[in-house]
């Protein structure tokens, strides 16, 4: 991802993450945007140059136009060298056309170069489309957090 693309990506990613956290019931709407900004600032203190973080613009191969973004970080866990997908986004008008599947395949190839043996991610349970894509790409449930609201 170029610095120019990063500056386009960041405000939208911050807003989207805040919205998803509110929708999931994790954050209150009035504080969500600031909490999201803080999260991104901690994770990416040096933007696209943050060590062990890999940010990509996803480019449609025929017309060479940007259709989304992918961001993952690498770290050594107790189990294996791991890549954690922080964000994966296909623009609305390009969804349902196989680009998400192709991006997941490209991710596999990219992490192999980094000698990663495990890819993990978090997905909001209300995001059924993303869950279906990840399952299709071979991801399996490893943890499940559930909540019950008492009224």
N, C-alpha and C. Protein backbone atom coordinates (compact mmCIF):
# COMPACT_ATOMS: atom_id res chain seq x y z
N UNK A 1 0.85 -1.16 0.00
CA UNK A 1 0.00 0.00 0.00
C UNK A 1 0.90 1.23 0.00
N UNK A 2 0.60 2.14 -0.87
CA UNK A 2 1.36 3.38 -0.92
C UNK A 2 0.92 4.29 0.23
N UNK A 3 1.74 5.30 0.51
CA UNK A 3 1.37 6.27 1.54
C UNK A 3 0.09 7.01 1.15
N UNK A 4 -0.07 7.26 -0.13
CA UNK A 4 -1.29 7.92 -0.61
C UNK A 4 -2.50 7.04 -0.34
N UNK A 5 -2.42 5.77 -0.68
CA UNK A 5 -3.53 4.84 -0.41
C UNK A 5 -3.79 4.73 1.08
N UNK A 6 -2.72 4.74 1.88
CA UNK A 6 -2.88 4.65 3.33
C UNK A 6 -3.70 5.83 3.85
N UNK A 7 -3.43 7.02 3.35
CA UNK A 7 -4.17 8.21 3.79
C UNK A 7 -5.63 8.16 3.35
N UNK A 8 -5.93 7.48 2.24
CA UNK A 8 -7.32 7.25 1.83
C UNK A 8 -7.97 6.17 2.70
N UNK A 9 -7.19 5.14 2.99
CA UNK A 9 -7.69 3.99 3.74
C UNK A 9 -8.00 4.32 5.20
N UNK A 10 -7.11 5.01 5.87
CA UNK A 10 -7.16 5.16 7.32
C UNK A 10 -8.46 5.77 7.85
N UNK A 11 -8.92 6.91 7.36
CA UNK A 11 -10.15 7.49 7.94
C UNK A 11 -11.36 6.57 7.79
N UNK A 12 -11.47 5.92 6.64
CA UNK A 12 -12.58 5.00 6.41
C UNK A 12 -12.48 3.77 7.31
N UNK A 13 -11.27 3.25 7.47
CA UNK A 13 -11.06 2.07 8.32
C UNK A 13 -11.38 2.39 9.77
N UNK A 14 -10.97 3.56 10.23
CA UNK A 14 -11.26 3.97 11.60
C UNK A 14 -12.77 4.08 11.82
N UNK A 15 -13.46 4.72 10.89
CA UNK A 15 -14.91 4.87 11.01
C UNK A 15 -15.62 3.52 10.95
N UNK A 16 -15.20 2.67 10.04
CA UNK A 16 -15.83 1.36 9.90
C UNK A 16 -15.61 0.50 11.14
N UNK A 17 -14.42 0.52 11.69
CA UNK A 17 -14.14 -0.25 12.90
C UNK A 17 -14.99 0.25 14.06
N UNK A 18 -15.10 1.55 14.21
CA UNK A 18 -15.95 2.13 15.26
C UNK A 18 -17.39 1.67 15.08
N UNK A 19 -17.89 1.73 13.85
CA UNK A 19 -19.28 1.30 13.58
C UNK A 19 -19.48 -0.17 13.91
N UNK A 20 -18.52 -1.00 13.56
CA UNK A 20 -18.64 -2.44 13.82
C UNK A 20 -18.61 -2.73 15.32
N UNK A 21 -17.78 -2.00 16.05
CA UNK A 21 -17.72 -2.19 17.50
C UNK A 21 -19.03 -1.77 18.18
N UNK A 22 -19.65 -0.71 17.68
CA UNK A 22 -20.95 -0.28 18.20
C UNK A 22 -22.01 -1.32 17.85
N UNK A 23 -22.02 -1.78 16.62
CA UNK A 23 -22.99 -2.78 16.19
C UNK A 23 -22.86 -4.07 16.99
N UNK A 24 -21.64 -4.42 17.35
CA UNK A 24 -21.40 -5.64 18.14
C UNK A 24 -21.72 -5.44 19.62
N UNK A 25 -21.97 -4.19 20.02
CA UNK A 25 -22.28 -3.91 21.41
C UNK A 25 -21.06 -3.81 22.30
N UNK A 26 -19.90 -3.63 21.71
CA UNK A 26 -18.65 -3.55 22.47
C UNK A 26 -18.37 -2.14 22.96
N UNK A 27 -18.68 -1.15 22.14
CA UNK A 27 -18.44 0.25 22.47
C UNK A 27 -19.74 1.04 22.35
N UNK A 28 -19.82 2.13 23.12
CA UNK A 28 -20.94 3.07 22.98
C UNK A 28 -20.64 4.00 21.82
N UNK A 29 -21.68 4.41 21.16
CA UNK A 29 -21.52 5.23 19.95
C UNK A 29 -20.75 6.52 20.23
N UNK A 30 -21.00 7.16 21.36
CA UNK A 30 -20.39 8.47 21.62
C UNK A 30 -18.87 8.39 21.79
N UNK A 31 -18.35 7.23 22.18
CA UNK A 31 -16.90 7.10 22.38
C UNK A 31 -16.22 6.26 21.31
N UNK A 32 -16.99 5.65 20.44
CA UNK A 32 -16.45 4.67 19.49
C UNK A 32 -15.39 5.25 18.56
N UNK A 33 -15.63 6.40 17.99
CA UNK A 33 -14.68 6.96 17.03
C UNK A 33 -13.34 7.26 17.69
N UNK A 34 -13.35 7.82 18.87
CA UNK A 34 -12.08 8.10 19.57
C UNK A 34 -11.37 6.81 19.95
N UNK A 35 -12.10 5.81 20.41
CA UNK A 35 -11.48 4.53 20.75
C UNK A 35 -10.88 3.87 19.52
N UNK A 36 -11.56 3.98 18.40
CA UNK A 36 -11.04 3.42 17.16
C UNK A 36 -9.76 4.14 16.73
N UNK A 37 -9.75 5.45 16.80
CA UNK A 37 -8.55 6.22 16.46
C UNK A 37 -7.38 5.81 17.34
N UNK A 38 -7.64 5.64 18.64
CA UNK A 38 -6.59 5.21 19.57
C UNK A 38 -6.06 3.83 19.20
N UNK A 39 -6.95 2.93 18.84
CA UNK A 39 -6.54 1.57 18.46
C UNK A 39 -5.62 1.59 17.25
N UNK A 40 -6.01 2.33 16.23
CA UNK A 40 -5.19 2.40 15.02
C UNK A 40 -3.85 3.08 15.30
N UNK A 41 -3.86 4.11 16.13
CA UNK A 41 -2.60 4.81 16.46
C UNK A 41 -1.63 3.88 17.19
N UNK A 42 -2.14 3.03 18.06
CA UNK A 42 -1.29 2.08 18.78
C UNK A 42 -0.76 0.99 17.85
N UNK A 43 -1.62 0.49 16.97
CA UNK A 43 -1.21 -0.60 16.09
C UNK A 43 -0.29 -0.14 14.97
N UNK A 44 -0.51 1.05 14.46
CA UNK A 44 0.25 1.55 13.31
C UNK A 44 0.91 2.89 13.63
N UNK A 45 1.82 2.93 14.61
CA UNK A 45 2.43 4.21 14.98
C UNK A 45 3.25 4.83 13.85
N UNK A 46 3.74 4.02 12.94
CA UNK A 46 4.53 4.53 11.82
C UNK A 46 3.83 4.31 10.48
N UNK A 47 2.51 4.24 10.51
CA UNK A 47 1.74 4.08 9.28
C UNK A 47 2.15 2.85 8.51
N UNK A 48 2.32 3.00 7.20
CA UNK A 48 2.68 1.86 6.35
C UNK A 48 4.08 1.33 6.65
N UNK A 49 4.86 2.09 7.40
CA UNK A 49 6.23 1.66 7.73
C UNK A 49 6.32 1.02 9.12
N UNK A 50 5.19 0.66 9.71
CA UNK A 50 5.21 0.02 11.02
C UNK A 50 5.77 -1.38 10.89
N UNK A 51 6.75 -1.68 11.73
CA UNK A 51 7.45 -2.96 11.67
C UNK A 51 6.49 -4.14 11.87
N UNK A 52 6.67 -5.17 11.06
CA UNK A 52 5.91 -6.42 11.09
C UNK A 52 4.44 -6.26 10.71
N UNK A 53 4.09 -5.12 10.14
CA UNK A 53 2.73 -4.89 9.63
C UNK A 53 2.83 -4.77 8.12
N UNK A 54 1.89 -5.40 7.44
CA UNK A 54 1.90 -5.46 5.98
C UNK A 54 0.55 -4.98 5.48
N UNK A 55 0.58 -3.88 4.76
CA UNK A 55 -0.65 -3.27 4.26
C UNK A 55 -0.63 -3.31 2.74
N UNK A 56 -1.74 -3.77 2.17
CA UNK A 56 -1.83 -3.93 0.73
C UNK A 56 -3.09 -3.26 0.19
N UNK A 57 -2.95 -2.66 -0.96
CA UNK A 57 -4.12 -2.29 -1.76
C UNK A 57 -4.42 -3.49 -2.64
N UNK A 58 -5.68 -3.85 -2.72
CA UNK A 58 -6.07 -4.98 -3.57
C UNK A 58 -6.46 -4.40 -4.93
N UNK A 59 -5.80 -4.88 -5.96
CA UNK A 59 -5.96 -4.35 -7.31
C UNK A 59 -6.65 -5.37 -8.20
N UNK A 60 -7.68 -4.94 -8.90
CA UNK A 60 -8.39 -5.80 -9.86
C UNK A 60 -7.44 -6.03 -11.02
N UNK A 61 -7.19 -7.30 -11.39
CA UNK A 61 -6.10 -7.59 -12.33
C UNK A 61 -6.31 -7.11 -13.76
N UNK A 62 -7.51 -7.05 -14.25
CA UNK A 62 -7.72 -6.69 -15.66
C UNK A 62 -7.64 -5.18 -15.87
N UNK A 63 -8.40 -4.43 -15.08
CA UNK A 63 -8.46 -2.98 -15.25
C UNK A 63 -7.48 -2.22 -14.35
N UNK A 64 -6.78 -2.97 -13.47
CA UNK A 64 -5.78 -2.37 -12.58
C UNK A 64 -6.36 -1.24 -11.73
N UNK A 65 -7.56 -1.48 -11.18
CA UNK A 65 -8.16 -0.49 -10.29
C UNK A 65 -8.21 -1.05 -8.87
N UNK A 66 -8.13 -0.15 -7.91
CA UNK A 66 -8.15 -0.54 -6.51
C UNK A 66 -9.56 -0.99 -6.14
N UNK A 67 -9.65 -2.18 -5.52
CA UNK A 67 -10.96 -2.71 -5.14
C UNK A 67 -11.06 -3.04 -3.65
N UNK A 68 -9.99 -2.79 -2.90
CA UNK A 68 -10.04 -3.05 -1.47
C UNK A 68 -8.69 -2.95 -0.82
N UNK A 69 -8.66 -3.40 0.44
CA UNK A 69 -7.43 -3.33 1.24
C UNK A 69 -7.28 -4.59 2.08
N UNK A 70 -6.04 -4.91 2.41
CA UNK A 70 -5.73 -6.01 3.30
C UNK A 70 -4.56 -5.59 4.18
N UNK A 71 -4.70 -5.83 5.48
CA UNK A 71 -3.66 -5.48 6.44
C UNK A 71 -3.49 -6.64 7.41
N UNK A 72 -2.26 -7.13 7.52
CA UNK A 72 -1.98 -8.15 8.52
C UNK A 72 -0.66 -7.84 9.20
N UNK A 73 -0.49 -8.44 10.36
CA UNK A 73 0.78 -8.31 11.09
C UNK A 73 1.30 -9.70 11.40
N UNK A 74 2.60 -9.81 11.54
CA UNK A 74 3.25 -11.08 11.85
C UNK A 74 3.88 -11.03 13.23
N UNK A 75 3.82 -12.16 13.91
CA UNK A 75 4.44 -12.28 15.23
C UNK A 75 4.68 -13.76 15.52
N UNK A 76 5.56 -14.01 16.46
CA UNK A 76 5.81 -15.38 16.91
C UNK A 76 4.91 -15.65 18.10
N UNK A 77 4.07 -16.68 17.97
CA UNK A 77 3.23 -17.09 19.09
C UNK A 77 3.83 -18.37 19.68
N UNK A 78 3.25 -18.84 20.75
CA UNK A 78 3.73 -20.09 21.35
C UNK A 78 3.55 -21.27 20.41
N UNK A 79 2.51 -21.21 19.57
CA UNK A 79 2.21 -22.32 18.68
C UNK A 79 2.96 -22.26 17.35
N UNK A 80 3.11 -21.08 16.79
CA UNK A 80 3.69 -20.98 15.44
C UNK A 80 3.92 -19.52 15.07
N UNK A 81 4.71 -19.29 14.03
CA UNK A 81 4.80 -17.94 13.49
C UNK A 81 3.44 -17.64 12.87
N UNK A 82 2.87 -16.54 13.27
CA UNK A 82 1.47 -16.26 12.96
C UNK A 82 1.32 -14.93 12.24
N UNK A 83 0.37 -14.90 11.33
CA UNK A 83 -0.08 -13.66 10.71
C UNK A 83 -1.50 -13.42 11.21
N UNK A 84 -1.75 -12.23 11.72
CA UNK A 84 -3.09 -11.86 12.17
C UNK A 84 -3.64 -10.83 11.20
N UNK A 85 -4.79 -11.12 10.62
CA UNK A 85 -5.44 -10.18 9.71
C UNK A 85 -6.14 -9.11 10.55
N UNK A 86 -5.63 -7.90 10.47
CA UNK A 86 -6.23 -6.78 11.18
C UNK A 86 -7.41 -6.20 10.43
N UNK A 87 -7.32 -6.18 9.12
CA UNK A 87 -8.40 -5.61 8.32
C UNK A 87 -8.36 -6.21 6.93
N UNK A 88 -9.54 -6.47 6.43
CA UNK A 88 -9.70 -6.97 5.06
C UNK A 88 -11.00 -6.40 4.55
N UNK A 89 -10.92 -5.68 3.45
CA UNK A 89 -12.09 -4.96 2.97
C UNK A 89 -12.11 -4.94 1.45
N UNK A 90 -13.19 -5.46 0.90
CA UNK A 90 -13.45 -5.35 -0.54
C UNK A 90 -14.55 -4.30 -0.70
N UNK A 91 -14.33 -3.32 -1.55
CA UNK A 91 -15.33 -2.27 -1.76
C UNK A 91 -16.65 -2.90 -2.18
N UNK A 92 -17.73 -2.30 -1.73
CA UNK A 92 -19.08 -2.83 -1.91
C UNK A 92 -19.37 -3.25 -3.35
N UNK A 93 -19.03 -2.42 -4.31
CA UNK A 93 -19.38 -2.70 -5.71
C UNK A 93 -18.62 -3.88 -6.31
N UNK A 94 -17.59 -4.36 -5.61
CA UNK A 94 -16.80 -5.48 -6.11
C UNK A 94 -17.04 -6.78 -5.34
N UNK A 95 -17.93 -6.74 -4.38
CA UNK A 95 -18.22 -7.93 -3.58
C UNK A 95 -19.04 -8.93 -4.38
N UNK A 96 -18.87 -10.20 -4.03
CA UNK A 96 -19.63 -11.26 -4.67
C UNK A 96 -19.12 -11.64 -6.05
N UNK A 97 -17.90 -11.20 -6.40
CA UNK A 97 -17.34 -11.47 -7.72
C UNK A 97 -16.09 -12.33 -7.66
N UNK A 98 -15.80 -12.87 -6.49
CA UNK A 98 -14.65 -13.76 -6.35
C UNK A 98 -13.36 -13.07 -5.94
N UNK A 99 -13.37 -11.74 -5.81
CA UNK A 99 -12.14 -11.04 -5.46
C UNK A 99 -11.69 -11.34 -4.04
N UNK A 100 -12.64 -11.54 -3.13
CA UNK A 100 -12.27 -11.87 -1.76
C UNK A 100 -11.54 -13.20 -1.70
N UNK A 101 -12.04 -14.18 -2.44
CA UNK A 101 -11.39 -15.49 -2.49
C UNK A 101 -9.99 -15.36 -3.09
N UNK A 102 -9.87 -14.60 -4.16
CA UNK A 102 -8.56 -14.40 -4.78
C UNK A 102 -7.59 -13.69 -3.83
N UNK A 103 -8.10 -12.73 -3.08
CA UNK A 103 -7.25 -12.02 -2.13
C UNK A 103 -6.77 -12.96 -1.02
N UNK A 104 -7.64 -13.85 -0.56
CA UNK A 104 -7.24 -14.82 0.47
C UNK A 104 -6.16 -15.78 -0.08
N UNK A 105 -6.27 -16.15 -1.34
CA UNK A 105 -5.25 -17.00 -1.96
C UNK A 105 -3.93 -16.25 -2.08
N UNK A 106 -4.00 -14.98 -2.44
CA UNK A 106 -2.78 -14.16 -2.51
C UNK A 106 -2.16 -13.98 -1.13
N UNK A 107 -2.99 -13.86 -0.12
CA UNK A 107 -2.50 -13.76 1.24
C UNK A 107 -1.73 -15.02 1.62
N UNK A 108 -2.27 -16.19 1.30
CA UNK A 108 -1.58 -17.44 1.58
C UNK A 108 -0.17 -17.44 0.98
N UNK A 109 -0.08 -17.01 -0.26
CA UNK A 109 1.22 -16.97 -0.93
C UNK A 109 2.16 -15.98 -0.25
N UNK A 110 1.63 -14.84 0.15
CA UNK A 110 2.45 -13.80 0.79
C UNK A 110 2.99 -14.27 2.14
N UNK A 111 2.14 -14.90 2.96
CA UNK A 111 2.62 -15.32 4.29
C UNK A 111 3.58 -16.50 4.20
N UNK A 112 3.45 -17.32 3.16
CA UNK A 112 4.44 -18.40 2.97
C UNK A 112 5.83 -17.81 2.79
N UNK A 113 5.94 -16.70 2.06
CA UNK A 113 7.23 -16.04 1.87
C UNK A 113 7.83 -15.59 3.20
N UNK A 114 6.95 -15.28 4.15
CA UNK A 114 7.39 -14.81 5.47
C UNK A 114 7.55 -15.97 6.46
N UNK A 115 7.41 -17.18 5.95
CA UNK A 115 7.54 -18.41 6.75
C UNK A 115 6.51 -18.48 7.88
N UNK A 116 5.34 -17.97 7.60
CA UNK A 116 4.21 -18.03 8.54
C UNK A 116 3.51 -19.37 8.34
N UNK A 117 3.13 -20.01 9.44
CA UNK A 117 2.43 -21.29 9.33
C UNK A 117 1.00 -21.23 9.84
N UNK A 118 0.57 -20.06 10.34
CA UNK A 118 -0.79 -19.94 10.86
C UNK A 118 -1.30 -18.53 10.59
N UNK A 119 -2.52 -18.42 10.10
CA UNK A 119 -3.18 -17.13 9.89
C UNK A 119 -4.39 -17.09 10.81
N UNK A 120 -4.50 -16.01 11.57
CA UNK A 120 -5.66 -15.84 12.44
C UNK A 120 -6.35 -14.51 12.13
N UNK A 121 -7.55 -14.38 12.63
CA UNK A 121 -8.32 -13.16 12.42
C UNK A 121 -9.44 -13.09 13.44
N UNK A 122 -10.02 -11.93 13.55
CA UNK A 122 -11.25 -11.73 14.32
C UNK A 122 -12.30 -11.30 13.31
N UNK A 123 -13.49 -11.85 13.45
CA UNK A 123 -14.60 -11.41 12.61
C UNK A 123 -15.81 -11.21 13.51
N UNK A 124 -16.52 -10.12 13.29
CA UNK A 124 -17.73 -9.87 14.06
C UNK A 124 -18.79 -10.88 13.66
N UNK A 125 -19.47 -11.43 14.63
CA UNK A 125 -20.42 -12.51 14.35
C UNK A 125 -21.59 -12.06 13.48
N UNK A 126 -21.87 -10.77 13.44
CA UNK A 126 -22.96 -10.29 12.58
C UNK A 126 -22.53 -10.18 11.11
N UNK A 127 -21.26 -10.38 10.83
CA UNK A 127 -20.75 -10.26 9.46
C UNK A 127 -20.77 -11.64 8.77
N UNK A 128 -21.97 -12.09 8.44
CA UNK A 128 -22.16 -13.43 7.89
C UNK A 128 -21.43 -13.63 6.55
N UNK A 129 -21.39 -12.61 5.74
CA UNK A 129 -20.72 -12.71 4.44
C UNK A 129 -19.23 -12.97 4.63
N UNK A 130 -18.60 -12.25 5.54
CA UNK A 130 -17.17 -12.45 5.81
C UNK A 130 -16.92 -13.83 6.40
N UNK A 131 -17.77 -14.25 7.30
CA UNK A 131 -17.61 -15.58 7.90
C UNK A 131 -17.65 -16.65 6.82
N UNK A 132 -18.59 -16.54 5.90
CA UNK A 132 -18.69 -17.52 4.80
C UNK A 132 -17.43 -17.51 3.94
N UNK A 133 -16.89 -16.33 3.65
CA UNK A 133 -15.66 -16.24 2.85
C UNK A 133 -14.50 -16.90 3.59
N UNK A 134 -14.36 -16.60 4.86
CA UNK A 134 -13.25 -17.17 5.63
C UNK A 134 -13.36 -18.69 5.74
N UNK A 135 -14.57 -19.18 5.93
CA UNK A 135 -14.76 -20.63 5.98
C UNK A 135 -14.40 -21.26 4.64
N UNK A 136 -14.81 -20.62 3.56
CA UNK A 136 -14.49 -21.11 2.22
C UNK A 136 -12.97 -21.13 2.00
N UNK A 137 -12.28 -20.17 2.61
CA UNK A 137 -10.81 -20.09 2.47
C UNK A 137 -10.08 -21.04 3.41
N UNK A 138 -10.83 -21.80 4.23
CA UNK A 138 -10.20 -22.80 5.08
C UNK A 138 -10.04 -22.42 6.54
N UNK A 139 -10.55 -21.26 6.93
CA UNK A 139 -10.47 -20.87 8.34
C UNK A 139 -11.47 -21.68 9.16
N UNK A 140 -11.08 -21.98 10.39
CA UNK A 140 -11.93 -22.73 11.31
C UNK A 140 -12.08 -21.95 12.61
N UNK A 141 -13.19 -22.14 13.30
CA UNK A 141 -13.38 -21.52 14.61
C UNK A 141 -12.34 -22.06 15.57
N UNK A 142 -11.72 -21.16 16.33
CA UNK A 142 -10.78 -21.59 17.37
C UNK A 142 -11.22 -21.11 18.75
N UNK A 143 -11.90 -20.00 18.81
CA UNK A 143 -12.45 -19.45 20.04
C UNK A 143 -13.82 -18.87 19.71
N UNK A 144 -14.66 -18.80 20.71
CA UNK A 144 -15.98 -18.20 20.51
C UNK A 144 -16.33 -17.43 21.76
N UNK A 145 -16.61 -16.15 21.61
CA UNK A 145 -17.05 -15.33 22.72
C UNK A 145 -18.52 -15.05 22.51
N UNK A 146 -19.30 -15.29 23.53
CA UNK A 146 -20.74 -15.06 23.44
C UNK A 146 -21.13 -14.04 24.50
N UNK A 147 -22.25 -13.35 24.27
CA UNK A 147 -22.74 -12.37 25.23
C UNK A 147 -24.25 -12.51 25.37
N UNK A 148 -24.72 -12.17 26.53
CA UNK A 148 -26.16 -12.11 26.79
C UNK A 148 -26.42 -10.76 27.46
N UNK A 149 -27.34 -10.00 26.91
CA UNK A 149 -27.67 -8.71 27.49
C UNK A 149 -28.84 -8.89 28.44
N UNK A 150 -28.65 -8.45 29.66
CA UNK A 150 -29.69 -8.54 30.67
C UNK A 150 -30.41 -7.21 30.71
N UNK A 151 -31.69 -7.27 30.52
CA UNK A 151 -32.47 -6.03 30.48
C UNK A 151 -33.41 -5.97 31.65
